[in-house]
PDB file of N, CA and C in Angstrom:
ATOM      1  N   UNK A   1      44.570  19.648 -58.164  1.00  0.00           N
ATOM      2  CA  UNK A   1      45.128  20.972 -58.123  1.00  0.00           C
ATOM      3  C   UNK A   1      44.096  22.027 -58.508  1.00  0.00           C
ATOM      4  N   UNK A   2      43.269  21.718 -59.509  1.00  0.00           N
ATOM      5  CA  UNK A   2      42.250  22.676 -59.946  1.00  0.00           C
ATOM      6  C   UNK A   2      41.203  22.887 -58.863  1.00  0.00           C
ATOM      7  N   UNK A   3      40.857  21.806 -58.145  1.00  0.00           N
ATOM      8  CA  UNK A   3      39.867  21.943 -57.075  1.00  0.00           C
ATOM      9  C   UNK A   3      40.419  22.761 -55.917  1.00  0.00           C
ATOM     10  N   UNK A   4      41.740  22.656 -55.662  1.00  0.00           N
ATOM     11  CA  UNK A   4      42.354  23.459 -54.604  1.00  0.00           C
ATOM     12  C   UNK A   4      42.308  24.938 -54.964  1.00  0.00           C
ATOM     13  N   UNK A   5      42.567  25.240 -56.234  1.00  0.00           N
ATOM     14  CA  UNK A   5      42.526  26.624 -56.686  1.00  0.00           C
ATOM     15  C   UNK A   5      41.121  27.183 -56.555  1.00  0.00           C
ATOM     16  N   UNK A   6      40.137  26.358 -56.894  1.00  0.00           N
ATOM     17  CA  UNK A   6      38.744  26.798 -56.804  1.00  0.00           C
ATOM     18  C   UNK A   6      38.354  27.095 -55.363  1.00  0.00           C
ATOM     19  N   UNK A   7      38.754  26.237 -54.424  1.00  0.00           N
ATOM     20  CA  UNK A   7      38.408  26.473 -53.021  1.00  0.00           C
ATOM     21  C   UNK A   7      39.147  27.674 -52.472  1.00  0.00           C
ATOM     22  N   UNK A   8      40.389  27.895 -52.914  1.00  0.00           N
ATOM     23  CA  UNK A   8      41.132  29.067 -52.445  1.00  0.00           C
ATOM     24  C   UNK A   8      40.493  30.340 -52.987  1.00  0.00           C
ATOM     25  N   UNK A   9      40.054  30.321 -54.256  1.00  0.00           N
ATOM     26  CA  UNK A   9      39.381  31.479 -54.832  1.00  0.00           C
ATOM     27  C   UNK A   9      38.054  31.743 -54.133  1.00  0.00           C
ATOM     28  N   UNK A  10      37.363  30.680 -53.760  1.00  0.00           N
ATOM     29  CA  UNK A  10      36.079  30.833 -53.082  1.00  0.00           C
ATOM     30  C   UNK A  10      36.248  31.465 -51.714  1.00  0.00           C
ATOM     31  N   UNK A  11      37.338  31.122 -51.033  1.00  0.00           N
ATOM     32  CA  UNK A  11      37.583  31.724 -49.725  1.00  0.00           C
ATOM     33  C   UNK A  11      37.948  33.198 -49.861  1.00  0.00           C
ATOM     34  N   UNK A  12      38.683  33.528 -50.917  1.00  0.00           N
ATOM     35  CA  UNK A  12      39.088  34.908 -51.129  1.00  0.00           C
ATOM     36  C   UNK A  12      37.923  35.776 -51.576  1.00  0.00           C
ATOM     37  N   UNK A  13      37.027  35.210 -52.375  1.00  0.00           N
ATOM     38  CA  UNK A  13      35.887  35.958 -52.905  1.00  0.00           C
ATOM     39  C   UNK A  13      34.604  35.215 -52.538  1.00  0.00           C
ATOM     40  N   UNK A  14      33.829  35.669 -51.555  1.00  0.00           N
ATOM     41  CA  UNK A  14      32.630  34.950 -51.119  1.00  0.00           C
ATOM     42  C   UNK A  14      31.588  34.777 -52.201  1.00  0.00           C
ATOM     43  N   UNK A  15      31.535  35.687 -53.196  1.00  0.00           N
ATOM     44  CA  UNK A  15      30.539  35.551 -54.258  1.00  0.00           C
ATOM     45  C   UNK A  15      30.789  34.322 -55.109  1.00  0.00           C
ATOM     46  N   UNK A  16      32.031  33.892 -55.211  1.00  0.00           N
ATOM     47  CA  UNK A  16      32.343  32.716 -56.016  1.00  0.00           C
ATOM     48  C   UNK A  16      31.870  31.438 -55.329  1.00  0.00           C
ATOM     49  N   UNK A  17      31.732  31.461 -54.011  1.00  0.00           N
ATOM     50  CA  UNK A  17      31.334  30.261 -53.292  1.00  0.00           C
ATOM     51  C   UNK A  17      29.830  30.005 -53.374  1.00  0.00           C
ATOM     52  N   UNK A  18      29.044  31.013 -53.766  1.00  0.00           N
ATOM     53  CA  UNK A  18      27.604  30.823 -53.840  1.00  0.00           C
ATOM     54  C   UNK A  18      27.251  29.956 -55.037  1.00  0.00           C
ATOM     55  N   UNK A  19      26.262  29.114 -54.849  1.00  0.00           N
ATOM     56  CA  UNK A  19      25.825  28.233 -55.919  1.00  0.00           C
ATOM     57  C   UNK A  19      24.943  28.997 -56.891  1.00  0.00           C
ATOM     58  N   UNK A  20      25.056  28.649 -58.152  1.00  0.00           N
ATOM     59  CA  UNK A  20      24.230  29.251 -59.194  1.00  0.00           C
ATOM     60  C   UNK A  20      23.237  28.212 -59.687  1.00  0.00           C
ATOM     61  N   UNK A  21      22.058  28.665 -60.037  1.00  0.00           N
ATOM     62  CA  UNK A  21      21.029  27.770 -60.557  1.00  0.00           C
ATOM     63  C   UNK A  21      21.492  27.112 -61.852  1.00  0.00           C
ATOM     64  N   UNK A  22      22.231  27.859 -62.665  1.00  0.00           N
ATOM     65  CA  UNK A  22      22.696  27.312 -63.945  1.00  0.00           C
ATOM     66  C   UNK A  22      23.751  26.219 -63.759  1.00  0.00           C
ATOM     67  N   UNK A  23      24.323  26.092 -62.564  1.00  0.00           N
ATOM     68  CA  UNK A  23      25.255  24.990 -62.299  1.00  0.00           C
ATOM     69  C   UNK A  23      24.535  23.652 -62.227  1.00  0.00           C
ATOM     70  N   UNK A  24      23.247  23.673 -61.882  1.00  0.00           N
ATOM     71  CA  UNK A  24      22.489  22.444 -61.690  1.00  0.00           C
ATOM     72  C   UNK A  24      21.425  22.213 -62.758  1.00  0.00           C
ATOM     73  N   UNK A  25      20.858  23.284 -63.300  1.00  0.00           N
ATOM     74  CA  UNK A  25      19.733  23.165 -64.232  1.00  0.00           C
ATOM     75  C   UNK A  25      20.005  23.964 -65.494  1.00  0.00           C
ATOM     76  N   UNK A  26      19.383  23.559 -66.589  1.00  0.00           N
ATOM     77  CA  UNK A  26      19.442  24.335 -67.823  1.00  0.00           C
ATOM     78  C   UNK A  26      18.489  25.511 -67.639  1.00  0.00           C
ATOM     79  N   UNK A  27      19.031  26.701 -67.739  1.00  0.00           N
ATOM     80  CA  UNK A  27      18.220  27.887 -67.494  1.00  0.00           C
ATOM     81  C   UNK A  27      18.179  28.756 -68.738  1.00  0.00           C
ATOM     82  N   UNK A  28      17.075  29.481 -68.853  1.00  0.00           N
ATOM     83  CA  UNK A  28      16.962  30.505 -69.882  1.00  0.00           C
ATOM     84  C   UNK A  28      17.368  31.816 -69.233  1.00  0.00           C
ATOM     85  N   UNK A  29      17.093  32.911 -69.849  1.00  0.00           N
ATOM     86  CA  UNK A  29      17.449  34.202 -69.280  1.00  0.00           C
ATOM     87  C   UNK A  29      16.644  34.411 -68.002  1.00  0.00           C
ATOM     88  N   UNK A  30      17.336  34.389 -66.876  1.00  0.00           N
ATOM     89  CA  UNK A  30      16.658  34.581 -65.594  1.00  0.00           C
ATOM     90  C   UNK A  30      17.327  35.721 -64.842  1.00  0.00           C
ATOM     91  N   UNK A  31      16.576  36.427 -63.994  1.00  0.00           N
ATOM     92  CA  UNK A  31      17.161  37.515 -63.202  1.00  0.00           C
ATOM     93  C   UNK A  31      18.193  36.980 -62.214  1.00  0.00           C
ATOM     94  N   UNK A  32      19.027  37.873 -61.755  1.00  0.00           N
ATOM     95  CA  UNK A  32      20.105  37.505 -60.838  1.00  0.00           C
ATOM     96  C   UNK A  32      19.558  36.927 -59.531  1.00  0.00           C
ATOM     97  N   UNK A  33      18.377  37.373 -59.105  1.00  0.00           N
ATOM     98  CA  UNK A  33      17.816  36.849 -57.856  1.00  0.00           C
ATOM     99  C   UNK A  33      17.441  35.375 -57.977  1.00  0.00           C
ATOM    100  N   UNK A  34      17.195  34.888 -59.208  1.00  0.00           N
ATOM    101  CA  UNK A  34      16.939  33.464 -59.425  1.00  0.00           C
ATOM    102  C   UNK A  34      18.236  32.712 -59.693  1.00  0.00           C
ATOM    103  N   UNK A  35      19.194  33.382 -60.315  1.00  0.00           N
ATOM    104  CA  UNK A  35      20.473  32.739 -60.624  1.00  0.00           C
ATOM    105  C   UNK A  35      21.270  32.482 -59.345  1.00  0.00           C
ATOM    106  N   UNK A  36      21.254  33.450 -58.432  1.00  0.00           N
ATOM    107  CA  UNK A  36      21.972  33.312 -57.156  1.00  0.00           C
ATOM    108  C   UNK A  36      20.991  33.582 -56.019  1.00  0.00           C
ATOM    109  N   UNK A  37      20.177  32.597 -55.646  1.00  0.00           N
ATOM    110  CA  UNK A  37      19.136  32.834 -54.641  1.00  0.00           C
ATOM    111  C   UNK A  37      19.669  33.108 -53.243  1.00  0.00           C
ATOM    112  N   UNK A  38      20.945  32.816 -52.993  1.00  0.00           N
ATOM    113  CA  UNK A  38      21.499  33.067 -51.658  1.00  0.00           C
ATOM    114  C   UNK A  38      21.601  34.552 -51.348  1.00  0.00           C
ATOM    115  N   UNK A  39      21.642  35.400 -52.396  1.00  0.00           N
ATOM    116  CA  UNK A  39      21.753  36.839 -52.168  1.00  0.00           C
ATOM    117  C   UNK A  39      20.409  37.455 -51.786  1.00  0.00           C
ATOM    118  N   UNK A  40      19.312  36.686 -51.889  1.00  0.00           N
ATOM    119  CA  UNK A  40      17.989  37.204 -51.552  1.00  0.00           C
ATOM    120  C   UNK A  40      17.889  37.431 -50.053  1.00  0.00           C
ATOM    121  N   UNK A  41      17.472  38.631 -49.679  1.00  0.00           N
ATOM    122  CA  UNK A  41      17.261  38.945 -48.269  1.00  0.00           C
ATOM    123  C   UNK A  41      15.863  39.516 -48.135  1.00  0.00           C
ATOM    124  N   UNK A  42      15.174  39.167 -47.091  1.00  0.00           N
ATOM    125  CA  UNK A  42      13.851  39.715 -46.920  1.00  0.00           C
ATOM    126  C   UNK A  42      12.931  38.835 -46.102  1.00  0.00           C
ATOM    127  N   UNK A  43      13.419  37.686 -45.672  1.00  0.00           N
ATOM    128  CA  UNK A  43      12.587  36.838 -44.847  1.00  0.00           C
ATOM    129  C   UNK A  43      12.719  37.259 -43.406  1.00  0.00           C
ATOM    130  N   UNK A  44      11.591  37.422 -42.766  1.00  0.00           N
ATOM    131  CA  UNK A  44      11.562  37.854 -41.379  1.00  0.00           C
ATOM    132  C   UNK A  44      11.503  36.624 -40.486  1.00  0.00           C
ATOM    133  N   UNK A  45      12.488  36.443 -39.663  1.00  0.00           N
ATOM    134  CA  UNK A  45      12.525  35.302 -38.751  1.00  0.00           C
ATOM    135  C   UNK A  45      12.172  35.734 -37.341  1.00  0.00           C
ATOM    136  N   UNK A  46      11.109  36.540 -37.232  1.00  0.00           N
ATOM    137  CA  UNK A  46      10.668  37.004 -35.931  1.00  0.00           C
ATOM    138  C   UNK A  46      10.110  35.821 -35.136  1.00  0.00           C
ATOM    139  N   UNK A  47      10.458  35.746 -33.888  1.00  0.00           N
ATOM    140  CA  UNK A  47      10.001  34.642 -33.047  1.00  0.00           C
ATOM    141  C   UNK A  47       8.491  34.707 -32.841  1.00  0.00           C
ATOM    142  N   UNK A  48       7.828  33.581 -33.029  1.00  0.00           N
ATOM    143  CA  UNK A  48       6.385  33.481 -32.841  1.00  0.00           C
ATOM    144  C   UNK A  48       6.106  32.613 -31.618  1.00  0.00           C
ATOM    145  N   UNK A  49       4.949  32.846 -31.015  1.00  0.00           N
ATOM    146  CA  UNK A  49       4.530  31.984 -29.920  1.00  0.00           C
ATOM    147  C   UNK A  49       4.264  30.602 -30.501  1.00  0.00           C
ATOM    148  N   UNK A  50       4.712  29.566 -29.838  1.00  0.00           N
ATOM    149  CA  UNK A  50       4.614  28.200 -30.351  1.00  0.00           C
ATOM    150  C   UNK A  50       3.165  27.785 -30.595  1.00  0.00           C
ATOM    151  N   UNK A  51       2.230  28.348 -29.842  1.00  0.00           N
ATOM    152  CA  UNK A  51       0.826  27.983 -29.997  1.00  0.00           C
ATOM    153  C   UNK A  51       0.256  28.467 -31.330  1.00  0.00           C
ATOM    154  N   UNK A  52       0.793  29.586 -31.844  1.00  0.00           N
ATOM    155  CA  UNK A  52       0.282  30.162 -33.074  1.00  0.00           C
ATOM    156  C   UNK A  52       1.159  29.844 -34.277  1.00  0.00           C
ATOM    157  N   UNK A  53       2.169  29.026 -34.091  1.00  0.00           N
ATOM    158  CA  UNK A  53       3.060  28.658 -35.175  1.00  0.00           C
ATOM    159  C   UNK A  53       2.385  27.632 -36.088  1.00  0.00           C
ATOM    160  N   UNK A  54       2.563  27.795 -37.396  1.00  0.00           N
ATOM    161  CA  UNK A  54       1.986  26.857 -38.357  1.00  0.00           C
ATOM    162  C   UNK A  54       3.091  26.259 -39.211  1.00  0.00           C
ATOM    163  N   UNK A  55       2.767  25.189 -39.909  1.00  0.00           N
ATOM    164  CA  UNK A  55       3.769  24.566 -40.772  1.00  0.00           C
ATOM    165  C   UNK A  55       4.082  25.472 -41.962  1.00  0.00           C
ATOM    166  N   UNK A  56       3.114  26.248 -42.421  1.00  0.00           N
ATOM    167  CA  UNK A  56       3.383  27.180 -43.509  1.00  0.00           C
ATOM    168  C   UNK A  56       4.365  28.259 -43.078  1.00  0.00           C
ATOM    169  N   UNK A  57       4.292  28.682 -41.833  1.00  0.00           N
ATOM    170  CA  UNK A  57       5.245  29.671 -41.335  1.00  0.00           C
ATOM    171  C   UNK A  57       6.643  29.076 -41.299  1.00  0.00           C
ATOM    172  N   UNK A  58       6.749  27.820 -40.932  1.00  0.00           N
ATOM    173  CA  UNK A  58       8.048  27.153 -40.904  1.00  0.00           C
ATOM    174  C   UNK A  58       8.617  27.025 -42.314  1.00  0.00           C
ATOM    175  N   UNK A  59       7.776  26.651 -43.262  1.00  0.00           N
ATOM    176  CA  UNK A  59       8.204  26.518 -44.653  1.00  0.00           C
ATOM    177  C   UNK A  59       8.572  27.879 -45.243  1.00  0.00           C
ATOM    178  N   UNK A  60       7.792  28.893 -44.941  1.00  0.00           N
ATOM    179  CA  UNK A  60       8.036  30.220 -45.493  1.00  0.00           C
ATOM    180  C   UNK A  60       9.233  30.923 -44.899  1.00  0.00           C
ATOM    181  N   UNK A  61       9.694  30.497 -43.740  1.00  0.00           N
ATOM    182  CA  UNK A  61      10.842  31.155 -43.123  1.00  0.00           C
ATOM    183  C   UNK A  61      12.158  30.713 -43.747  1.00  0.00           C
ATOM    184  N   UNK A  62      12.137  29.645 -44.531  1.00  0.00           N
ATOM    185  CA  UNK A  62      13.363  29.164 -45.174  1.00  0.00           C
ATOM    186  C   UNK A  62      13.616  29.954 -46.448  1.00  0.00           C
ATOM    187  N   UNK A  63      14.854  30.295 -46.678  1.00  0.00           N
ATOM    188  CA  UNK A  63      15.225  31.033 -47.872  1.00  0.00           C
ATOM    189  C   UNK A  63      15.213  30.136 -49.100  1.00  0.00           C
ATOM    190  N   UNK A  64      15.194  30.724 -50.286  1.00  0.00           N
ATOM    191  CA  UNK A  64      15.201  29.927 -51.508  1.00  0.00           C
ATOM    192  C   UNK A  64      16.555  29.273 -51.748  1.00  0.00           C
ATOM    193  N   UNK A  65      16.546  28.170 -52.451  1.00  0.00           N
ATOM    194  CA  UNK A  65      17.776  27.491 -52.858  1.00  0.00           C
ATOM    195  C   UNK A  65      17.764  27.355 -54.369  1.00  0.00           C
ATOM    196  N   UNK A  66      18.860  26.876 -54.923  1.00  0.00           N
ATOM    197  CA  UNK A  66      18.920  26.710 -56.377  1.00  0.00           C
ATOM    198  C   UNK A  66      17.917  25.670 -56.856  1.00  0.00           C
ATOM    199  N   UNK A  67      17.448  24.811 -55.965  1.00  0.00           N
ATOM    200  CA  UNK A  67      16.513  23.757 -56.341  1.00  0.00           C
ATOM    201  C   UNK A  67      15.050  24.197 -56.239  1.00  0.00           C
ATOM    202  N   UNK A  68      14.787  25.348 -55.630  1.00  0.00           N
ATOM    203  CA  UNK A  68      13.403  25.794 -55.453  1.00  0.00           C
ATOM    204  C   UNK A  68      13.037  27.019 -56.276  1.00  0.00           C
ATOM    205  N   UNK A  69      14.005  27.658 -56.921  1.00  0.00           N
ATOM    206  CA  UNK A  69      13.700  28.839 -57.732  1.00  0.00           C
ATOM    207  C   UNK A  69      13.346  28.424 -59.152  1.00  0.00           C
ATOM    208  N   UNK A  70      12.592  29.254 -59.892  1.00  0.00           N
ATOM    209  CA  UNK A  70      12.247  28.917 -61.272  1.00  0.00           C
ATOM    210  C   UNK A  70      13.483  28.914 -62.173  1.00  0.00           C
ATOM    211  N   UNK A  71      13.448  28.090 -63.206  1.00  0.00           N
ATOM    212  CA  UNK A  71      14.560  28.022 -64.145  1.00  0.00           C
ATOM    213  C   UNK A  71      14.305  28.853 -65.395  1.00  0.00           C
ATOM    214  N   UNK A  72      13.133  29.450 -65.509  1.00  0.00           N
ATOM    215  CA  UNK A  72      12.854  30.352 -66.619  1.00  0.00           C
ATOM    216  C   UNK A  72      12.020  31.514 -66.106  1.00  0.00           C
ATOM    217  N   UNK A  73      12.126  32.636 -66.787  1.00  0.00           N
ATOM    218  CA  UNK A  73      11.427  33.843 -66.366  1.00  0.00           C
ATOM    219  C   UNK A  73      10.890  34.535 -67.605  1.00  0.00           C
ATOM    220  N   UNK A  74       9.593  34.750 -67.656  1.00  0.00           N
ATOM    221  CA  UNK A  74       8.951  35.404 -68.795  1.00  0.00           C
ATOM    222  C   UNK A  74       8.220  36.630 -68.273  1.00  0.00           C
ATOM    223  N   UNK A  75       8.826  37.782 -68.465  1.00  0.00           N
ATOM    224  CA  UNK A  75       8.227  39.009 -67.940  1.00  0.00           C
ATOM    225  C   UNK A  75       7.082  39.472 -68.836  1.00  0.00           C
ATOM    226  N   UNK A  76       6.185  40.214 -68.266  1.00  0.00           N
ATOM    227  CA  UNK A  76       5.034  40.758 -68.983  1.00  0.00           C
ATOM    228  C   UNK A  76       5.355  42.156 -69.490  1.00  0.00           C
ATOM    229  N   UNK A  77       4.711  42.535 -70.557  1.00  0.00           N
ATOM    230  CA  UNK A  77       4.895  43.862 -71.133  1.00  0.00           C
ATOM    231  C   UNK A  77       4.270  44.906 -70.211  1.00  0.00           C
ATOM    232  N   UNK A  78       4.900  46.061 -70.112  1.00  0.00           N
ATOM    233  CA  UNK A  78       4.386  47.167 -69.292  1.00  0.00           C
ATOM    234  C   UNK A  78       3.710  48.222 -70.151  1.00  0.00           C
ATOM    235  N   UNK A  79       3.287  47.849 -71.349  1.00  0.00           N
ATOM    236  CA  UNK A  79       2.715  48.787 -72.311  1.00  0.00           C
ATOM    237  C   UNK A  79       1.461  49.487 -71.752  1.00  0.00           C
ATOM    238  N   UNK A  80       0.552  48.730 -71.152  1.00  0.00           N
ATOM    239  CA  UNK A  80      -0.684  49.304 -70.620  1.00  0.00           C
ATOM    240  C   UNK A  80      -0.390  50.274 -69.484  1.00  0.00           C
ATOM    241  N   UNK A  81       0.484  49.907 -68.562  1.00  0.00           N
ATOM    242  CA  UNK A  81       0.818  50.749 -67.418  1.00  0.00           C
ATOM    243  C   UNK A  81       1.525  52.019 -67.870  1.00  0.00           C
ATOM    244  N   UNK A  82       2.420  51.899 -68.847  1.00  0.00           N
ATOM    245  CA  UNK A  82       3.099  53.081 -69.366  1.00  0.00           C
ATOM    246  C   UNK A  82       2.096  54.047 -69.996  1.00  0.00           C
ATOM    247  N   UNK A  83       1.099  53.525 -70.695  1.00  0.00           N
ATOM    248  CA  UNK A  83       0.073  54.373 -71.307  1.00  0.00           C
ATOM    249  C   UNK A  83      -0.736  55.101 -70.224  1.00  0.00           C
ATOM    250  N   UNK A  84      -1.087  54.416 -69.156  1.00  0.00           N
ATOM    251  CA  UNK A  84      -1.842  55.059 -68.075  1.00  0.00           C
ATOM    252  C   UNK A  84      -1.019  56.144 -67.401  1.00  0.00           C
ATOM    253  N   UNK A  85       0.277  55.927 -67.289  1.00  0.00           N
ATOM    254  CA  UNK A  85       1.140  56.936 -66.683  1.00  0.00           C
ATOM    255  C   UNK A  85       1.172  58.216 -67.490  1.00  0.00           C
ATOM    256  N   UNK A  86       1.061  58.085 -68.797  1.00  0.00           N
ATOM    257  CA  UNK A  86       1.107  59.263 -69.665  1.00  0.00           C
ATOM    258  C   UNK A  86      -0.221  60.020 -69.675  1.00  0.00           C
ATOM    259  N   UNK A  87      -1.343  59.304 -69.771  1.00  0.00           N
ATOM    260  CA  UNK A  87      -2.628  59.987 -69.949  1.00  0.00           C
ATOM    261  C   UNK A  87      -3.476  60.020 -68.675  1.00  0.00           C
ATOM    262  N   UNK A  88      -3.180  59.243 -67.668  1.00  0.00           N
ATOM    263  CA  UNK A  88      -3.939  59.248 -66.422  1.00  0.00           C
ATOM    264  C   UNK A  88      -4.984  58.150 -66.367  1.00  0.00           C
ATOM    265  N   UNK A  89      -5.462  57.887 -65.175  1.00  0.00           N
ATOM    266  CA  UNK A  89      -6.459  56.841 -64.970  1.00  0.00           C
ATOM    267  C   UNK A  89      -7.826  57.302 -65.454  1.00  0.00           C
ATOM    268  N   UNK A  90      -8.674  56.332 -65.794  1.00  0.00           N
ATOM    269  CA  UNK A  90     -10.046  56.623 -66.216  1.00  0.00           C
ATOM    270  C   UNK A  90     -10.826  57.166 -65.029  1.00  0.00           C
ATOM    271  N   UNK A  91     -11.631  58.189 -65.263  1.00  0.00           N
ATOM    272  CA  UNK A  91     -12.463  58.746 -64.205  1.00  0.00           C
ATOM    273  C   UNK A  91     -13.911  58.753 -64.675  1.00  0.00           C
ATOM    274  N   UNK A  92     -14.783  58.138 -63.904  1.00  0.00           N
ATOM    275  CA  UNK A  92     -16.202  58.076 -64.240  1.00  0.00           C
ATOM    276  C   UNK A  92     -16.854  59.392 -63.846  1.00  0.00           C
ATOM    277  N   UNK A  93     -17.301  60.146 -64.817  1.00  0.00           N
ATOM    278  CA  UNK A  93     -17.960  61.413 -64.551  1.00  0.00           C
ATOM    279  C   UNK A  93     -19.440  61.344 -64.931  1.00  0.00           C
ATOM    280  N   UNK A  94     -20.032  60.173 -64.700  1.00  0.00           N
ATOM    281  CA  UNK A  94     -21.441  59.974 -65.020  1.00  0.00           C
ATOM    282  C   UNK A  94     -22.344  60.696 -64.030  1.00  0.00           C
ATOM    283  N   UNK A  95     -23.624  60.746 -64.347  1.00  0.00           N
ATOM    284  CA  UNK A  95     -24.606  61.426 -63.509  1.00  0.00           C
ATOM    285  C   UNK A  95     -24.943  60.548 -62.307  1.00  0.00           C
ATOM    286  N   UNK A  96     -24.884  61.121 -61.123  1.00  0.00           N
ATOM    287  CA  UNK A  96     -25.226  60.418 -59.897  1.00  0.00           C
ATOM    288  C   UNK A  96     -26.730  60.518 -59.688  1.00  0.00           C
ATOM    289  N   UNK A  97     -27.443  59.380 -59.792  1.00  0.00           N
ATOM    290  CA  UNK A  97     -28.906  59.400 -59.647  1.00  0.00           C
ATOM    291  C   UNK A  97     -29.356  58.741 -58.358  1.00  0.00           C
ATOM    292  N   UNK A  98     -28.456  58.366 -57.483  1.00  0.00           N
ATOM    293  CA  UNK A  98     -28.828  57.699 -56.238  1.00  0.00           C
ATOM    294  C   UNK A  98     -29.344  58.694 -55.205  1.00  0.00           C
ATOM    295  N   UNK A  99     -30.194  58.206 -54.298  1.00  0.00           N
ATOM    296  CA  UNK A  99     -30.711  59.059 -53.225  1.00  0.00           C
ATOM    297  C   UNK A  99     -29.659  59.192 -52.125  1.00  0.00           C
ATOM    298  N   UNK A 100     -29.593  60.385 -51.542  1.00  0.00           N
ATOM    299  CA  UNK A 100     -28.691  60.611 -50.433  1.00  0.00           C
ATOM    300  C   UNK A 100     -29.287  60.022 -49.165  1.00  0.00           C
ATOM    301  N   UNK A 101     -28.444  59.406 -48.351  1.00  0.00           N
ATOM    302  CA  UNK A 101     -28.887  58.837 -47.088  1.00  0.00           C
ATOM    303  C   UNK A 101     -28.979  59.954 -46.043  1.00  0.00           C
ATOM    304  N   UNK A 102     -30.032  59.916 -45.245  1.00  0.00           N
ATOM    305  CA  UNK A 102     -30.196  60.887 -44.177  1.00  0.00           C
ATOM    306  C   UNK A 102     -29.266  60.522 -43.025  1.00  0.00           C
ATOM    307  N   UNK A 103     -28.539  61.502 -42.496  1.00  0.00           N
ATOM    308  CA  UNK A 103     -27.617  61.244 -41.400  1.00  0.00           C
ATOM    309  C   UNK A 103     -28.228  61.627 -40.048  1.00  0.00           C
ATOM    310  N   UNK A 104     -29.520  61.834 -40.035  1.00  0.00           N
ATOM    311  CA  UNK A 104     -30.193  62.228 -38.807  1.00  0.00           C
ATOM    312  C   UNK A 104     -30.701  61.017 -38.078  1.00  0.00           C
TER     313      UNK A 104
END
């Protein structure tokens, strides 16, 4: 009876039918794109000429699954980038001692 309710709920709400990575693996705090990889969109399945097709193109055209996404995510600090945004990029204002090339 519980499985029937689950399948009926899945039909009513498509988001419930998608598999979650945490259903199969022990996960730490991961972004939603890793938790539910089926929602990822962005792979271009443009038709290629068979002569120029490679195995990497075939592998890359497949979308991610719960078995291929990372189970942990460790983001990097944006401290350096935030500092550059506030004060600006470094600009070298040294003396130019090189000879100019003749354009003649």
